[in-house]
Amino acid sequence: MQFELLYPYAFLLLLLLPCFWWCKQNVKSVYFPKEEWLPKQGFTWDNHLLWIVTIFILLVMALTAPFTYESEVNSAKKGRDLVLLLDSSGSMAERGFNERDKTQTKYDISVALAKNFIEKRNDDNVGLVVFGSFAFSASPLTYDLTALNEMFDLMTDVGIAGTSTAIGDALVEGLSTLRGGKAKSKVLILLTDGVHNAGKHSPREAVSMAKKKAVKIYTIGIGKKNDYDALLMETIAKESGAKSFFCQNATELEEVYKHISKLEPSPIRSEQYLNKESLIIYPLMLAIFLLSMLIVKDEKGVL
C-alpha cells in the first residue's frame, strides 16, 4: 500500500497559520469597570484558536486530495504509434471496388476495412487523418479504439476535406499527429486512389521530414493503377524504409492490412494505479465534526 497526494501544493496554505497568532496579538483590550455584568464566556481565545487551527489544517489536508494505491503498475503496450491517412477526395466516390457489394464506394469500403484493421490493434496508439484538397486530424493518437471507430462513423461523406488530393499535406499532418507519441516505432499508412494535385506541401518535402524522424510510410494505392501515381507511392514508401501496396479490389486491400499488421512491435509503458482509494473524506469529515463541536461548545459556553 502506497500513499500519494494529488495536489501537494495545497500545503502552501499552511503558510497562513502565523496569521492566527498575529491576529491574536493585535486584539486590543478594553477596560470595563463592571466585569461581573458581562456574560460568562466558556471559551478563551487560546482554546478557540486551537480548534480553529486544527480545523484549518484538516481542510488543507483534504485539499491535497490524498489517496492510497496498492502498487504502481507499468502495463506494457507492445505496439507502435500509427496514423491512418485516409483519402476522402471526389474520386473515392467511385463504386464497384468491392466485388461482393457493387453499391459500395471506394471510400465506404476503405473506411470499413480501416475500422476492421484498427479493432485488432489493441496494443497500438492509433490516430486518423482525413485528406482531400486539405488534410485535418480527425483523431489524435489514442488507445481508445472504440472512440476512434466512432470517429470513423462521423467521417462518412466523400469530399469532407475537398475533392482534390493533397498527399503532401496529409503526410505532414500525419507527422504532426505522431508528435505526441512515445513508441520507438512510428508508422503512417497512406491510402489514396489519386494523384497529388493540391496542398501547401509536396510529398517529397514530407518524406524528407519523415526520414529525419525515422517514420515509416506504408502506401496503399487502390483502384486502377493508372488512376494514381504508382511511382510516387513506391518512392514515398521506399525512402521511408517501408513498403508500397496496390489493390484493385476490396479483397486485396483486406490482405494488405493483414500484411501491415505483422509490423514489429515496440514497447510503450503506460502508468496506472491499482486499487486507488481517495482519502479526502477522512480529514474533511473530521474537520466538519470539529467545527460542529466548536459551534455547540461556543453556544453552551463549555470548555
Protein backbone atom coordinates (compact mmCIF):
# COMPACT_ATOMS: atom_id res chain seq x y z
CA MET A 1 0.00 0.00 0.00
CA GLN A 2 1.43 3.37 -1.02
CA PHE A 3 0.34 6.92 -0.23
CA GLU A 4 0.32 9.95 -2.53
CA LEU A 5 -1.09 13.48 -2.78
CA LEU A 6 -2.81 14.67 -5.92
CA TYR A 7 -2.37 18.39 -5.10
CA PRO A 8 0.58 18.65 -2.67
CA TYR A 9 0.97 22.38 -3.35
CA ALA A 10 -2.19 22.96 -1.30
CA PHE A 11 0.08 22.66 1.75
CA LEU A 12 1.34 26.15 0.88
CA LEU A 13 -1.86 27.40 2.51
CA LEU A 14 -0.30 26.42 5.85
CA LEU A 15 1.91 29.48 5.43
CA LEU A 16 -1.16 31.41 6.57
CA LEU A 17 -1.02 29.81 10.03
CA PRO A 18 1.08 32.59 11.63
CA CYS A 19 -1.79 34.94 10.82
CA PHE A 20 -3.90 33.28 13.52
CA TRP A 21 -1.40 34.26 16.22
CA TRP A 22 -0.74 37.62 14.63
CA CYS A 23 -4.46 38.36 14.76
CA LYS A 24 -4.49 37.35 18.41
CA GLN A 25 -1.65 39.72 19.27
CA ASN A 26 -3.49 42.60 17.64
CA VAL A 27 -6.68 42.19 19.68
CA LYS A 28 -7.00 45.33 21.80
CA SER A 29 -8.10 45.15 25.43
CA VAL A 30 -10.96 47.36 26.54
CA TYR A 31 -11.34 48.32 30.22
CA PHE A 32 -14.80 47.68 31.67
CA PRO A 33 -15.30 48.59 35.36
CA LYS A 34 -18.18 46.20 35.98
CA GLU A 35 -16.75 42.89 34.76
CA GLU A 36 -19.38 40.92 36.65
CA TRP A 37 -22.06 42.40 34.38
CA LEU A 38 -20.50 40.73 31.31
CA PRO A 39 -21.83 37.29 30.26
CA LYS A 40 -19.58 34.39 31.19
CA GLN A 41 -17.62 33.03 28.19
CA GLY A 42 -16.75 29.33 28.23
CA PHE A 43 -14.09 29.68 25.54
CA THR A 44 -10.86 31.53 25.98
CA TRP A 45 -9.14 32.87 22.87
CA ASP A 46 -6.43 30.21 23.18
CA ASN A 47 -8.99 27.39 23.25
CA HIS A 48 -10.84 28.88 20.31
CA LEU A 49 -7.62 29.29 18.37
CA LEU A 50 -6.53 25.70 18.90
CA TRP A 51 -9.80 24.39 17.49
CA ILE A 52 -9.80 26.79 14.54
CA VAL A 53 -6.19 25.98 13.61
CA THR A 54 -6.88 22.24 13.80
CA ILE A 55 -9.92 22.60 11.54
CA PHE A 56 -7.92 24.73 9.09
CA ILE A 57 -5.12 22.14 8.90
CA LEU A 58 -7.64 19.34 8.28
CA LEU A 59 -9.27 21.30 5.46
CA VAL A 60 -5.87 21.90 3.85
CA MET A 61 -5.17 18.16 4.10
CA ALA A 62 -8.45 17.49 2.29
CA LEU A 63 -7.47 19.96 -0.45
CA THR A 64 -4.28 17.98 -1.16
CA ALA A 65 -6.54 15.08 -2.25
CA PRO A 66 -4.64 12.24 -0.56
CA PHE A 67 -5.10 8.71 -1.86
CA THR A 68 -3.63 5.24 -1.46
CA TYR A 69 -2.93 2.55 -4.01
CA GLU A 70 -1.57 -0.96 -3.76
CA SER A 71 1.16 -0.62 -6.32
CA GLU A 72 2.18 1.35 -9.37
CA VAL A 73 1.83 -0.90 -12.36
CA ASN A 74 3.58 -0.48 -15.67
CA SER A 75 1.38 -2.20 -18.23
CA ALA A 76 3.41 -2.99 -21.31
CA LYS A 77 1.90 -1.86 -24.58
CA LYS A 78 3.62 -3.74 -27.37
CA GLY A 79 2.89 -1.76 -30.45
CA ARG A 80 3.57 1.41 -32.29
CA ASP A 81 2.36 4.94 -32.86
CA LEU A 82 0.32 4.55 -36.02
CA VAL A 83 -1.67 7.10 -38.01
CA LEU A 84 -4.01 6.23 -40.87
CA LEU A 85 -4.13 8.78 -43.70
CA LEU A 86 -7.44 8.29 -45.48
CA ASP A 87 -8.20 9.83 -48.87
CA SER A 88 -11.73 11.30 -49.00
CA SER A 89 -11.36 13.13 -52.33
CA GLY A 90 -14.07 13.11 -55.00
CA SER A 91 -12.68 10.10 -56.87
CA MET A 92 -13.24 7.93 -53.78
CA ALA A 93 -16.99 8.06 -54.59
CA GLU A 94 -16.44 5.58 -57.42
CA ARG A 95 -18.38 2.32 -57.00
CA GLY A 96 -17.54 -1.27 -57.88
CA PHE A 97 -14.34 -1.64 -55.81
CA ASN A 98 -16.00 -4.26 -53.63
CA GLU A 99 -16.91 -7.22 -55.82
CA ARG A 100 -19.27 -8.55 -53.15
CA ASP A 101 -21.22 -5.30 -52.97
CA LYS A 102 -21.01 -3.16 -56.09
CA THR A 103 -23.07 -0.39 -54.45
CA GLN A 104 -20.28 0.48 -52.01
CA THR A 105 -17.94 3.31 -52.93
CA LYS A 106 -14.18 3.04 -52.62
CA TYR A 107 -14.45 5.36 -49.64
CA ASP A 108 -17.10 3.17 -47.97
CA ILE A 109 -15.03 0.02 -48.19
CA SER A 110 -11.82 1.86 -47.23
CA VAL A 111 -13.48 3.11 -44.04
CA ALA A 112 -14.96 -0.31 -43.26
CA LEU A 113 -11.65 -2.14 -43.69
CA ALA A 114 -9.73 0.55 -41.79
CA LYS A 115 -12.15 0.10 -38.88
CA ASN A 116 -11.68 -3.66 -39.04
CA PHE A 117 -7.91 -3.15 -39.06
CA ILE A 118 -7.74 -0.91 -36.00
CA GLU A 119 -10.14 -3.09 -33.99
CA LYS A 120 -7.29 -5.61 -33.80
CA ARG A 121 -4.65 -3.03 -32.88
CA ASN A 122 -5.19 -3.23 -29.11
CA ASP A 123 -1.52 -2.55 -28.39
CA ASP A 124 -1.17 0.36 -30.81
CA ASN A 125 -1.60 4.07 -30.25
CA VAL A 126 -3.68 4.96 -33.31
CA GLY A 127 -4.65 8.27 -34.92
CA LEU A 128 -6.61 9.30 -38.01
CA VAL A 129 -6.02 11.96 -40.67
CA VAL A 130 -8.57 12.58 -43.42
CA PHE A 131 -7.50 14.44 -46.54
CA GLY A 132 -8.71 15.77 -49.87
CA SER A 133 -7.94 19.31 -51.00
CA PHE A 134 -6.59 19.80 -47.47
CA ALA A 135 -5.78 17.50 -44.56
CA PHE A 136 -7.03 17.50 -40.99
CA SER A 137 -6.54 15.32 -37.93
CA ALA A 138 -9.84 13.58 -37.21
CA SER A 139 -8.40 11.88 -34.13
CA PRO A 140 -5.17 12.29 -32.14
CA LEU A 141 -3.20 9.23 -31.07
CA THR A 142 -5.33 7.13 -28.74
CA TYR A 143 -5.59 3.67 -27.20
CA ASP A 144 -9.36 4.11 -27.08
CA LEU A 145 -10.10 2.26 -30.28
CA THR A 146 -13.84 2.27 -29.61
CA ALA A 147 -13.85 6.07 -29.65
CA LEU A 148 -11.69 6.05 -32.77
CA ASN A 149 -14.14 3.76 -34.54
CA GLU A 150 -16.95 6.13 -33.59
CA MET A 151 -14.94 8.92 -35.21
CA PHE A 152 -14.79 6.85 -38.40
CA ASP A 153 -18.58 6.70 -38.33
CA LEU A 154 -18.65 10.50 -38.48
CA MET A 155 -16.33 10.59 -41.50
CA THR A 156 -18.97 9.16 -43.85
CA ASP A 157 -19.04 11.79 -46.59
CA VAL A 158 -16.78 11.73 -49.62
CA GLY A 159 -15.36 15.21 -50.17
CA ILE A 160 -15.45 16.12 -46.48
CA ALA A 161 -11.97 17.64 -46.95
CA GLY A 162 -12.49 18.80 -50.54
CA THR A 163 -12.43 16.99 -53.87
CA SER A 164 -8.71 17.27 -54.76
CA THR A 165 -5.80 15.18 -53.42
CA ALA A 166 -3.22 16.83 -51.13
CA ILE A 167 -0.89 13.92 -50.41
CA GLY A 168 1.93 16.15 -49.13
CA ASP A 169 -0.34 17.91 -46.65
CA ALA A 170 -1.72 14.55 -45.49
CA LEU A 171 1.78 13.29 -44.72
CA VAL A 172 2.74 16.48 -42.87
CA GLU A 173 -0.48 16.34 -40.83
CA GLY A 174 0.23 12.70 -40.04
CA LEU A 175 3.73 13.57 -38.80
CA SER A 176 2.22 16.29 -36.63
CA THR A 177 -0.24 13.78 -35.16
CA LEU A 178 2.63 11.41 -34.35
CA ARG A 179 4.46 14.11 -32.42
CA GLY A 180 2.90 13.25 -29.06
CA GLY A 181 3.59 9.50 -29.29
CA LYS A 182 6.12 7.65 -27.13
CA ALA A 183 6.73 4.49 -29.14
CA LYS A 184 10.05 3.92 -30.85
CA SER A 185 8.27 2.59 -33.92
CA LYS A 186 6.26 5.28 -35.72
CA VAL A 187 4.20 4.47 -38.79
CA LEU A 188 2.00 6.28 -41.29
CA ILE A 189 -0.34 4.33 -43.56
CA LEU A 190 -1.32 6.36 -46.60
CA LEU A 191 -4.34 5.19 -48.61
CA THR A 192 -5.27 7.01 -51.81
CA ASP A 193 -6.68 6.44 -55.28
CA GLY A 194 -5.44 9.68 -56.81
CA VAL A 195 -2.54 11.86 -57.87
CA HIS A 196 -1.08 14.64 -55.72
CA ASN A 197 -2.62 17.85 -57.10
CA ALA A 198 -3.30 20.17 -54.15
CA GLY A 199 -1.98 21.47 -50.83
CA LYS A 200 0.90 23.52 -49.48
CA HIS A 201 3.46 20.74 -49.09
CA SER A 202 4.95 18.45 -51.71
CA PRO A 203 5.14 14.70 -50.99
CA ARG A 204 8.93 14.77 -51.33
CA GLU A 205 9.17 17.53 -48.74
CA ALA A 206 7.01 15.48 -46.38
CA VAL A 207 9.08 12.33 -46.95
CA SER A 208 12.23 14.27 -46.12
CA MET A 209 10.65 15.30 -42.81
CA ALA A 210 9.59 11.70 -42.13
CA LYS A 211 13.11 10.37 -42.71
CA LYS A 212 14.54 12.80 -40.15
CA LYS A 213 12.04 11.49 -37.59
CA ALA A 214 12.52 7.82 -38.54
CA VAL A 215 8.86 7.48 -39.52
CA LYS A 216 7.92 4.68 -41.90
CA ILE A 217 5.26 5.44 -44.51
CA TYR A 218 3.35 2.50 -45.92
CA THR A 219 1.47 3.47 -49.06
CA ILE A 220 -1.65 1.83 -50.44
CA GLY A 221 -2.89 2.67 -53.92
CA ILE A 222 -6.42 1.49 -54.64
CA GLY A 223 -8.33 1.18 -57.90
CA LYS A 224 -6.85 1.10 -61.37
CA LYS A 225 -3.08 1.53 -61.39
CA ASN A 226 -3.16 4.32 -63.97
CA ASP A 227 -5.52 6.35 -61.74
CA TYR A 228 -2.84 7.12 -59.14
CA ASP A 229 0.86 7.94 -59.17
CA ALA A 230 2.30 4.48 -58.58
CA LEU A 231 5.89 5.71 -58.93
CA LEU A 232 5.37 8.39 -56.29
CA MET A 233 3.76 5.88 -53.93
CA GLU A 234 6.69 3.49 -54.33
CA THR A 235 9.18 6.32 -53.80
CA ILE A 236 7.47 7.52 -50.61
CA ALA A 237 7.47 4.01 -49.14
CA LYS A 238 11.00 3.10 -50.22
CA GLU A 239 12.65 6.30 -49.00
CA SER A 240 10.99 5.98 -45.59
CA GLY A 241 12.01 2.34 -45.21
CA ALA A 242 8.53 0.89 -45.73
CA LYS A 243 6.61 -0.90 -48.49
CA SER A 244 4.10 0.10 -51.12
CA PHE A 245 0.95 -1.85 -51.99
CA PHE A 246 -1.54 -1.73 -54.84
CA CYS A 247 -5.10 -3.03 -54.62
CA GLN A 248 -7.63 -3.43 -57.40
CA ASN A 249 -10.44 -4.65 -55.14
CA ALA A 250 -11.58 -4.90 -51.54
CA THR A 251 -10.23 -8.43 -51.05
CA GLU A 252 -6.71 -7.32 -51.95
CA LEU A 253 -7.00 -4.32 -49.62
CA GLU A 254 -8.00 -6.63 -46.79
CA GLU A 255 -4.89 -8.73 -47.42
CA VAL A 256 -2.71 -5.62 -47.39
CA TYR A 257 -3.96 -4.67 -43.93
CA LYS A 258 -3.20 -8.20 -42.71
CA HIS A 259 0.34 -7.83 -44.02
CA ILE A 260 0.83 -4.46 -42.34
CA SER A 261 -0.46 -5.96 -39.07
CA LYS A 262 2.74 -8.02 -38.92
CA LEU A 263 4.91 -4.97 -38.25
CA GLU A 264 7.46 -5.47 -35.47
CA PRO A 265 6.08 -4.18 -32.13
CA SER A 266 7.97 -1.79 -29.87
CA PRO A 267 7.28 -1.33 -26.14
CA ILE A 268 5.27 1.55 -24.75
CA ARG A 269 4.96 1.90 -20.99
CA SER A 270 1.76 3.32 -19.54
CA GLU A 271 1.50 4.09 -15.82
CA GLN A 272 -1.66 3.39 -13.90
CA TYR A 273 -2.72 2.97 -10.28
CA LEU A 274 -4.09 -0.31 -8.94
CA ASN A 275 -6.99 -0.20 -6.43
CA LYS A 276 -6.80 3.55 -5.98
CA GLU A 277 -8.73 4.83 -2.94
CA SER A 278 -9.34 8.50 -2.19
CA LEU A 279 -8.80 9.63 1.42
CA ILE A 280 -10.30 13.12 1.08
CA ILE A 281 -13.37 12.17 3.08
CA TYR A 282 -11.44 11.47 6.31
CA PRO A 283 -9.86 14.89 7.02
CA LEU A 284 -12.96 16.58 5.58
CA MET A 285 -15.41 14.74 7.85
CA LEU A 286 -13.16 15.26 10.88
CA ALA A 287 -12.99 18.99 10.12
CA ILE A 288 -16.80 19.16 9.85
CA PHE A 289 -17.17 17.24 13.13
CA LEU A 290 -14.77 19.54 14.99
CA LEU A 291 -16.48 22.61 13.53
CA SER A 292 -19.84 21.31 14.75
CA MET A 293 -18.39 20.66 18.21
CA LEU A 294 -16.87 24.13 18.25
CA ILE A 295 -20.23 25.73 17.48
CA VAL A 296 -22.03 23.67 20.14
CA LYS A 297 -19.43 24.34 22.83
CA ASP A 298 -19.36 28.02 21.98
CA GLU A 299 -23.14 28.29 22.32
CA LYS A 300 -23.17 26.41 25.63
CA GLY A 301 -20.13 28.19 26.97
CA VAL A 302 -18.37 24.91 27.63
CA LEU A 303 -14.61 24.43 28.00
